[in-house]
PDB file of N, CA and C in Angstrom:
ATOM      1  N   MET A   1       0.682  -1.045  -0.188  1.00  0.00           N
ATOM      2  CA  MET A   1      -0.216   0.095   0.050  1.00  0.00           C
ATOM      3  C   MET A   1       1.039   1.156  -0.237  1.00  0.00           C
ATOM      4  N   LEU A   2       2.226   1.317   0.601  1.00  0.00           N
ATOM      5  CA  LEU A   2       2.827   2.408   0.922  1.00  0.00           C
ATOM      6  C   LEU A   2       3.753   3.046  -0.777  1.00  0.00           C
ATOM      7  N   GLU A   3       3.789   1.199  -1.153  1.00  0.00           N
ATOM      8  CA  GLU A   3       4.403   1.399  -2.417  1.00  0.00           C
ATOM      9  C   GLU A   3       3.402   2.436  -3.430  1.00  0.00           C
ATOM     10  N   LEU A   4       2.026   2.435  -3.340  1.00  0.00           N
ATOM     11  CA  LEU A   4       1.047   2.837  -4.215  1.00  0.00           C
ATOM     12  C   LEU A   4       1.088   4.271  -4.148  1.00  0.00           C
ATOM     13  N   TRP A   5       1.064   4.726  -2.633  1.00  0.00           N
ATOM     14  CA  TRP A   5       1.105   5.824  -2.487  1.00  0.00           C
ATOM     15  C   TRP A   5       2.321   6.648  -3.110  1.00  0.00           C
ATOM     16  N   ILE A   6       3.330   6.147  -2.751  1.00  0.00           N
ATOM     17  CA  ILE A   6       4.668   6.769  -3.235  1.00  0.00           C
ATOM     18  C   ILE A   6       4.216   7.010  -4.882  1.00  0.00           C
ATOM     19  N   ALA A   7       4.048   5.552  -5.424  1.00  0.00           N
ATOM     20  CA  ALA A   7       4.011   6.062  -7.142  1.00  0.00           C
ATOM     21  C   ALA A   7       3.202   7.256  -7.228  1.00  0.00           C
ATOM     22  N   THR A   8       1.951   6.975  -6.575  1.00  0.00           N
ATOM     23  CA  THR A   8       0.708   8.376  -7.039  1.00  0.00           C
ATOM     24  C   THR A   8       1.392   9.670  -6.929  1.00  0.00           C
ATOM     25  N   ILE A   9       2.062   9.768  -5.359  1.00  0.00           N
ATOM     26  CA  ILE A   9       2.323  11.118  -5.398  1.00  0.00           C
ATOM     27  C   ILE A   9       3.597  11.455  -6.093  1.00  0.00           C
ATOM     28  N   GLY A  10       4.426  10.212  -6.557  1.00  0.00           N
ATOM     29  CA  GLY A  10       5.415  10.870  -7.508  1.00  0.00           C
ATOM     30  C   GLY A  10       4.840  10.673  -8.926  1.00  0.00           C
ATOM     31  N   LEU A  11       4.012  10.326  -9.193  1.00  0.00           N
ATOM     32  CA  LEU A  11       3.008  10.634 -10.631  1.00  0.00           C
ATOM     33  C   LEU A  11       2.582  11.399 -10.712  1.00  0.00           C
ATOM     34  N   ILE A  12       1.904  12.609  -9.554  1.00  0.00           N
ATOM     35  CA  ILE A  12       1.487  13.766  -9.469  1.00  0.00           C
ATOM     36  C   ILE A  12       2.400  15.014  -9.282  1.00  0.00           C
ATOM     37  N   ALA A  13       3.696  14.584  -8.705  1.00  0.00           N
ATOM     38  CA  ALA A  13       4.803  15.223  -8.727  1.00  0.00           C
ATOM     39  C   ALA A  13       5.306  15.941 -10.051  1.00  0.00           C
ATOM     40  N   PHE A  14       5.525  14.776 -10.695  1.00  0.00           N
ATOM     41  CA  PHE A  14       5.891  14.751 -12.200  1.00  0.00           C
ATOM     42  C   PHE A  14       5.016  15.666 -13.419  1.00  0.00           C
ATOM     43  N   PHE A  15       3.193  15.028 -13.285  1.00  0.00           N
ATOM     44  CA  PHE A  15       2.494  16.015 -14.102  1.00  0.00           C
ATOM     45  C   PHE A  15       2.766  17.589 -13.786  1.00  0.00           C
ATOM     46  N   ILE A  16       2.584  17.556 -12.142  1.00  0.00           N
ATOM     47  CA  ILE A  16       2.858  19.251 -11.836  1.00  0.00           C
ATOM     48  C   ILE A  16       4.159  19.616 -12.449  1.00  0.00           C
ATOM     49  N   PHE A  17       5.395  19.183 -12.483  1.00  0.00           N
ATOM     50  CA  PHE A  17       6.648  19.317 -12.889  1.00  0.00           C
ATOM     51  C   PHE A  17       6.503  19.965 -14.459  1.00  0.00           C
ATOM     52  N   VAL A  18       5.504  18.541 -15.607  1.00  0.00           N
ATOM     53  CA  VAL A  18       5.724  18.986 -16.202  1.00  0.00           C
ATOM     54  C   VAL A  18       4.729  20.071 -17.162  1.00  0.00           C
ATOM     55  N   ALA A  19       3.997  20.138 -16.213  1.00  0.00           N
ATOM     56  CA  ALA A  19       3.149  21.553 -16.373  1.00  0.00           C
ATOM     57  C   ALA A  19       3.500  22.944 -16.460  1.00  0.00           C
ATOM     58  N   TRP A  20       4.105  22.757 -15.266  1.00  0.00           N
ATOM     59  CA  TRP A  20       5.407  23.939 -14.741  1.00  0.00           C
ATOM     60  C   TRP A  20       5.968  24.172 -16.229  1.00  0.00           C
ATOM     61  N   LEU A  21       6.885  23.695 -16.116  1.00  0.00           N
ATOM     62  CA  LEU A  21       7.372  23.347 -17.572  1.00  0.00           C
ATOM     63  C   LEU A  21       6.741  23.557 -18.834  1.00  0.00           C
ATOM     64  N   TRP A  22       5.774  23.622 -19.088  1.00  0.00           N
ATOM     65  CA  TRP A  22       4.888  23.775 -19.993  1.00  0.00           C
ATOM     66  C   TRP A  22       4.659  25.209 -20.068  1.00  0.00           C
ATOM     67  N   MET A  23       3.898  25.619 -18.985  1.00  0.00           N
ATOM     68  CA  MET A  23       3.569  26.624 -18.918  1.00  0.00           C
ATOM     69  C   MET A  23       4.714  27.877 -18.834  1.00  0.00           C
ATOM     70  N   ARG A  24       6.063  27.363 -18.310  1.00  0.00           N
ATOM     71  CA  ARG A  24       7.273  28.397 -18.150  1.00  0.00           C
ATOM     72  C   ARG A  24       7.796  28.577 -19.775  1.00  0.00           C
ATOM     73  N   VAL A  25       7.800  27.833 -20.392  1.00  0.00           N
ATOM     74  CA  VAL A  25       8.168  27.665 -21.865  1.00  0.00           C
ATOM     75  C   VAL A  25       7.350  28.229 -22.935  1.00  0.00           C
ATOM     76  N   TRP A  26       6.111  27.836 -22.925  1.00  0.00           N
ATOM     77  CA  TRP A  26       5.191  28.334 -23.748  1.00  0.00           C
ATOM     78  C   TRP A  26       4.290  29.131 -23.549  1.00  0.00           C
ATOM     79  N   ILE A  27       3.333  29.199 -22.301  1.00  0.00           N
ATOM     80  CA  ILE A  27       2.231  30.186 -22.048  1.00  0.00           C
ATOM     81  C   ILE A  27       2.957  31.384 -21.768  1.00  0.00           C
ATOM     82  N   ILE A  28       4.231  31.503 -20.919  1.00  0.00           N
ATOM     83  CA  ILE A  28       4.318  32.911 -20.409  1.00  0.00           C
ATOM     84  C   ILE A  28       4.692  33.616 -21.588  1.00  0.00           C
ATOM     85  N   GLY A  29       5.596  32.975 -22.722  1.00  0.00           N
ATOM     86  CA  GLY A  29       6.164  33.582 -23.942  1.00  0.00           C
ATOM     87  C   GLY A  29       4.822  34.399 -24.733  1.00  0.00           C
ATOM     88  N   ILE A  30       3.592  33.019 -24.634  1.00  0.00           N
ATOM     89  CA  ILE A  30       2.679  33.858 -25.398  1.00  0.00           C
ATOM     90  C   ILE A  30       1.818  34.662 -24.378  1.00  0.00           C
ATOM     91  N   PHE A  31       1.817  34.711 -23.472  1.00  0.00           N
ATOM     92  CA  PHE A  31       1.234  35.690 -22.806  1.00  0.00           C
ATOM     93  C   PHE A  31       1.850  37.165 -22.597  1.00  0.00           C
ATOM     94  N   LYS A  32       3.021  37.191 -22.938  1.00  0.00           N
ATOM     95  CA  LYS A  32       4.343  38.169 -22.968  1.00  0.00           C
ATOM     96  C   LYS A  32       4.252  38.780 -24.443  1.00  0.00           C
ATOM     97  N   SER A  33       3.819  37.637 -25.453  1.00  0.00           N
ATOM     98  CA  SER A  33       3.650  38.722 -26.766  1.00  0.00           C
ATOM     99  C   SER A  33       1.962  39.643 -26.425  1.00  0.00           C
ATOM    100  N   ILE A  34       1.303  38.850 -25.605  1.00  0.00           N
ATOM    101  CA  ILE A  34      -0.051  39.411 -25.828  1.00  0.00           C
ATOM    102  C   ILE A  34       0.270  40.378 -25.196  1.00  0.00           C
ATOM    103  N   ASN A  35       0.396  40.741 -23.749  1.00  0.00           N
ATOM    104  CA  ASN A  35       0.845  41.881 -23.214  1.00  0.00           C
ATOM    105  C   ASN A  35       1.071  42.796 -23.899  1.00  0.00           C
ATOM    106  N   GLU A  36       2.497  42.496 -24.667  1.00  0.00           N
ATOM    107  CA  GLU A  36       2.659  43.523 -25.278  1.00  0.00           C
ATOM    108  C   GLU A  36       2.246  44.334 -26.321  1.00  0.00           C
ATOM    109  N   SER A  37       1.250  43.694 -26.384  1.00  0.00           N
ATOM    110  CA  SER A  37       0.224  44.183 -28.000  1.00  0.00           C
ATOM    111  C   SER A  37      -0.658  45.765 -26.924  1.00  0.00           C
ATOM    112  N   ARG A  38      -1.320  46.660 -27.519  1.00  0.00           N
ATOM    113  CA  ARG A  38      -1.949  47.695 -26.720  1.00  0.00           C
ATOM    114  C   ARG A  38      -3.262  47.048 -26.221  1.00  0.00           C
ATOM    115  N   LYS A  39      -3.543  46.422 -27.015  1.00  0.00           N
ATOM    116  CA  LYS A  39      -5.232  46.130 -26.061  1.00  0.00           C
ATOM    117  C   LYS A  39      -4.893  45.366 -24.977  1.00  0.00           C
ATOM    118  N   SER A  40      -4.187  44.817 -24.721  1.00  0.00           N
ATOM    119  CA  SER A  40      -4.170  44.172 -23.676  1.00  0.00           C
ATOM    120  C   SER A  40      -5.181  44.141 -22.203  1.00  0.00           C
ATOM    121  N   LYS A  41      -5.825  43.093 -21.959  1.00  0.00           N
ATOM    122  CA  LYS A  41      -6.774  43.665 -20.993  1.00  0.00           C
ATOM    123  C   LYS A  41      -5.708  43.285 -19.213  1.00  0.00           C
ATOM    124  N   TYR A  42      -5.075  42.302 -19.821  1.00  0.00           N
ATOM    125  CA  TYR A  42      -4.416  41.855 -18.091  1.00  0.00           C
ATOM    126  C   TYR A  42      -2.863  42.608 -18.149  1.00  0.00           C
ATOM    127  N   THR A  43      -2.493  42.486 -17.063  1.00  0.00           N
ATOM    128  CA  THR A  43      -1.086  42.604 -17.027  1.00  0.00           C
ATOM    129  C   THR A  43      -0.373  40.906 -17.161  1.00  0.00           C
ATOM    130  N   MET A  44       0.702  41.058 -16.960  1.00  0.00           N
ATOM    131  CA  MET A  44       1.329  40.014 -16.730  1.00  0.00           C
ATOM    132  C   MET A  44       1.199  39.069 -15.782  1.00  0.00           C
ATOM    133  N   LYS A  45       1.141  39.841 -14.184  1.00  0.00           N
ATOM    134  CA  LYS A  45       0.932  39.469 -13.184  1.00  0.00           C
ATOM    135  C   LYS A  45      -0.543  38.287 -13.537  1.00  0.00           C
ATOM    136  N   GLN A  46      -1.712  39.284 -14.121  1.00  0.00           N
ATOM    137  CA  GLN A  46      -3.026  38.814 -13.811  1.00  0.00           C
ATOM    138  C   GLN A  46      -3.045  37.412 -14.800  1.00  0.00           C
ATOM    139  N   TRP A  47      -2.151  37.569 -15.688  1.00  0.00           N
ATOM    140  CA  TRP A  47      -2.477  36.424 -16.499  1.00  0.00           C
ATOM    141  C   TRP A  47      -1.739  34.889 -15.866  1.00  0.00           C
ATOM    142  N   ILE A  48      -0.518  35.463 -14.895  1.00  0.00           N
ATOM    143  CA  ILE A  48       0.120  34.176 -14.409  1.00  0.00           C
ATOM    144  C   ILE A  48      -0.697  33.568 -13.232  1.00  0.00           C
ATOM    145  N   VAL A  49      -1.195  34.833 -12.492  1.00  0.00           N
ATOM    146  CA  VAL A  49      -2.324  34.301 -11.724  1.00  0.00           C
ATOM    147  C   VAL A  49      -3.688  33.526 -12.439  1.00  0.00           C
ATOM    148  N   ILE A  50      -4.391  33.825 -13.604  1.00  0.00           N
ATOM    149  CA  ILE A  50      -5.080  33.253 -14.113  1.00  0.00           C
ATOM    150  C   ILE A  50      -5.027  31.544 -14.155  1.00  0.00           C
ATOM    151  N   TRP A  51      -3.406  31.711 -15.104  1.00  0.00           N
ATOM    152  CA  TRP A  51      -3.251  30.012 -15.033  1.00  0.00           C
ATOM    153  C   TRP A  51      -3.001  29.479 -14.355  1.00  0.00           C
ATOM    154  N   LEU A  52      -2.476  30.168 -13.115  1.00  0.00           N
ATOM    155  CA  LEU A  52      -2.035  29.132 -11.865  1.00  0.00           C
ATOM    156  C   LEU A  52      -3.579  28.673 -10.911  1.00  0.00           C
ATOM    157  N   PHE A  53      -4.366  29.307 -11.088  1.00  0.00           N
ATOM    158  CA  PHE A  53      -5.305  29.328 -11.022  1.00  0.00           C
ATOM    159  C   PHE A  53      -6.117  27.796 -11.262  1.00  0.00           C
ATOM    160  N   ALA A  54      -6.190  28.074 -13.003  1.00  0.00           N
ATOM    161  CA  ALA A  54      -6.539  26.670 -13.801  1.00  0.00           C
ATOM    162  C   ALA A  54      -6.006  25.681 -13.382  1.00  0.00           C
ATOM    163  N   LEU A  55      -4.581  25.791 -13.381  1.00  0.00           N
ATOM    164  CA  LEU A  55      -3.607  24.574 -13.082  1.00  0.00           C
ATOM    165  C   LEU A  55      -4.054  23.984 -11.803  1.00  0.00           C
ATOM    166  N   LEU A  56      -4.361  24.669 -10.506  1.00  0.00           N
ATOM    167  CA  LEU A  56      -4.962  24.268  -9.524  1.00  0.00           C
ATOM    168  C   LEU A  56      -6.220  23.147  -9.615  1.00  0.00           C
ATOM    169  N   ILE A  57      -7.357  24.082 -10.293  1.00  0.00           N
ATOM    170  CA  ILE A  57      -8.141  23.149 -10.930  1.00  0.00           C
ATOM    171  C   ILE A  57      -8.351  21.625 -11.838  1.00  0.00           C
ATOM    172  N   LEU A  58      -6.987  22.011 -12.429  1.00  0.00           N
ATOM    173  CA  LEU A  58      -6.863  20.896 -13.132  1.00  0.00           C
ATOM    174  C   LEU A  58      -6.507  19.554 -12.210  1.00  0.00           C
ATOM    175  N   ILE A  59      -4.970  20.284 -11.118  1.00  0.00           N
ATOM    176  CA  ILE A  59      -4.660  18.824 -10.308  1.00  0.00           C
ATOM    177  C   ILE A  59      -5.506  18.472  -9.400  1.00  0.00           C
ATOM    178  N   THR A  60      -6.685  19.592  -8.777  1.00  0.00           N
ATOM    179  CA  THR A  60      -7.604  19.237  -7.770  1.00  0.00           C
ATOM    180  C   THR A  60      -8.489  17.423  -8.871  1.00  0.00           C
ATOM    181  N   VAL A  61      -8.937  18.050  -9.891  1.00  0.00           N
ATOM    182  CA  VAL A  61      -9.409  17.201 -10.450  1.00  0.00           C
ATOM    183  C   VAL A  61      -9.197  15.832 -10.585  1.00  0.00           C
ATOM    184  N   ILE A  62      -7.613  16.036 -11.071  1.00  0.00           N
ATOM    185  CA  ILE A  62      -6.735  14.754 -10.862  1.00  0.00           C
ATOM    186  C   ILE A  62      -6.817  14.126  -9.537  1.00  0.00           C
ATOM    187  N   PHE A  63      -6.760  14.402  -8.966  1.00  0.00           N
ATOM    188  CA  PHE A  63      -6.209  14.213  -6.937  1.00  0.00           C
ATOM    189  C   PHE A  63      -7.932  13.526  -7.083  1.00  0.00           C
ATOM    190  N   ILE A  64      -8.895  13.946  -7.871  1.00  0.00           N
ATOM    191  CA  ILE A  64     -10.554  13.690  -6.829  1.00  0.00           C
ATOM    192  C   ILE A  64     -10.506  12.237  -8.213  1.00  0.00           C
ATOM    193  N   LEU A  65     -10.035  12.306  -9.432  1.00  0.00           N
ATOM    194  CA  LEU A  65     -10.460  10.944 -10.005  1.00  0.00           C
ATOM    195  C   LEU A  65      -9.611  10.139  -9.478  1.00  0.00           C
ATOM    196  N   ILE A  66      -8.369  10.382  -8.711  1.00  0.00           N
ATOM    197  CA  ILE A  66      -7.152   9.032  -8.318  1.00  0.00           C
ATOM    198  C   ILE A  66      -7.737   8.663  -6.737  1.00  0.00           C
ATOM    199  N   LYS A  67      -8.223   9.871  -6.172  1.00  0.00           N
ATOM    200  CA  LYS A  67      -9.059   9.016  -5.270  1.00  0.00           C
ATOM    201  C   LYS A  67     -10.284   8.277  -4.902  1.00  0.00           C
ATOM    202  N   TRP A  68     -11.466   8.962  -5.996  1.00  0.00           N
ATOM    203  CA  TRP A  68     -12.027   7.984  -6.154  1.00  0.00           C
ATOM    204  C   TRP A  68     -11.964   6.784  -6.920  1.00  0.00           C
ATOM    205  N   ASN A  69     -11.107   6.463  -7.370  1.00  0.00           N
ATOM    206  CA  ASN A  69     -10.463   5.370  -8.471  1.00  0.00           C
ATOM    207  C   ASN A  69     -11.516   5.431  -9.475  1.00  0.00           C
ATOM    208  N   ILE A  70     -11.776   6.644 -10.103  1.00  0.00           N
ATOM    209  CA  ILE A  70     -11.875   6.792 -11.604  1.00  0.00           C
ATOM    210  C   ILE A  70     -11.346   6.494 -12.735  1.00  0.00           C
ATOM    211  N   ASN A  71     -11.592   5.583 -13.603  1.00  0.00           N
ATOM    212  CA  ASN A  71     -10.581   5.177 -14.639  1.00  0.00           C
ATOM    213  C   ASN A  71     -11.003   5.641 -16.134  1.00  0.00           C
ATOM    214  N   LEU A  72     -10.464   6.608 -17.045  1.00  0.00           N
ATOM    215  CA  LEU A  72     -10.512   7.545 -17.846  1.00  0.00           C
ATOM    216  C   LEU A  72     -10.909   6.778 -19.018  1.00  0.00           C
ATOM    217  N   LEU A  73      -9.990   5.576 -18.934  1.00  0.00           N
ATOM    218  CA  LEU A  73      -9.954   4.671 -20.437  1.00  0.00           C
ATOM    219  C   LEU A  73     -10.574   3.597 -20.173  1.00  0.00           C
TER     220      LEU A  73
END
């Protein structure tokens, strides 16, 4: 049972790292170009907060799926 929890926590940590890396490389570059346009509605910090909130929701959904043993495949 302990191995299952270690594997689950490791998998979640891996996905969080990959999501953070992907956000850092691609999304922040996109937001930087959006922010540089004159019609930008949000500042760079607001964009980062919006995406961190979306990432939090995604992680919560993944945790609920794992906790309830819901298989999507």
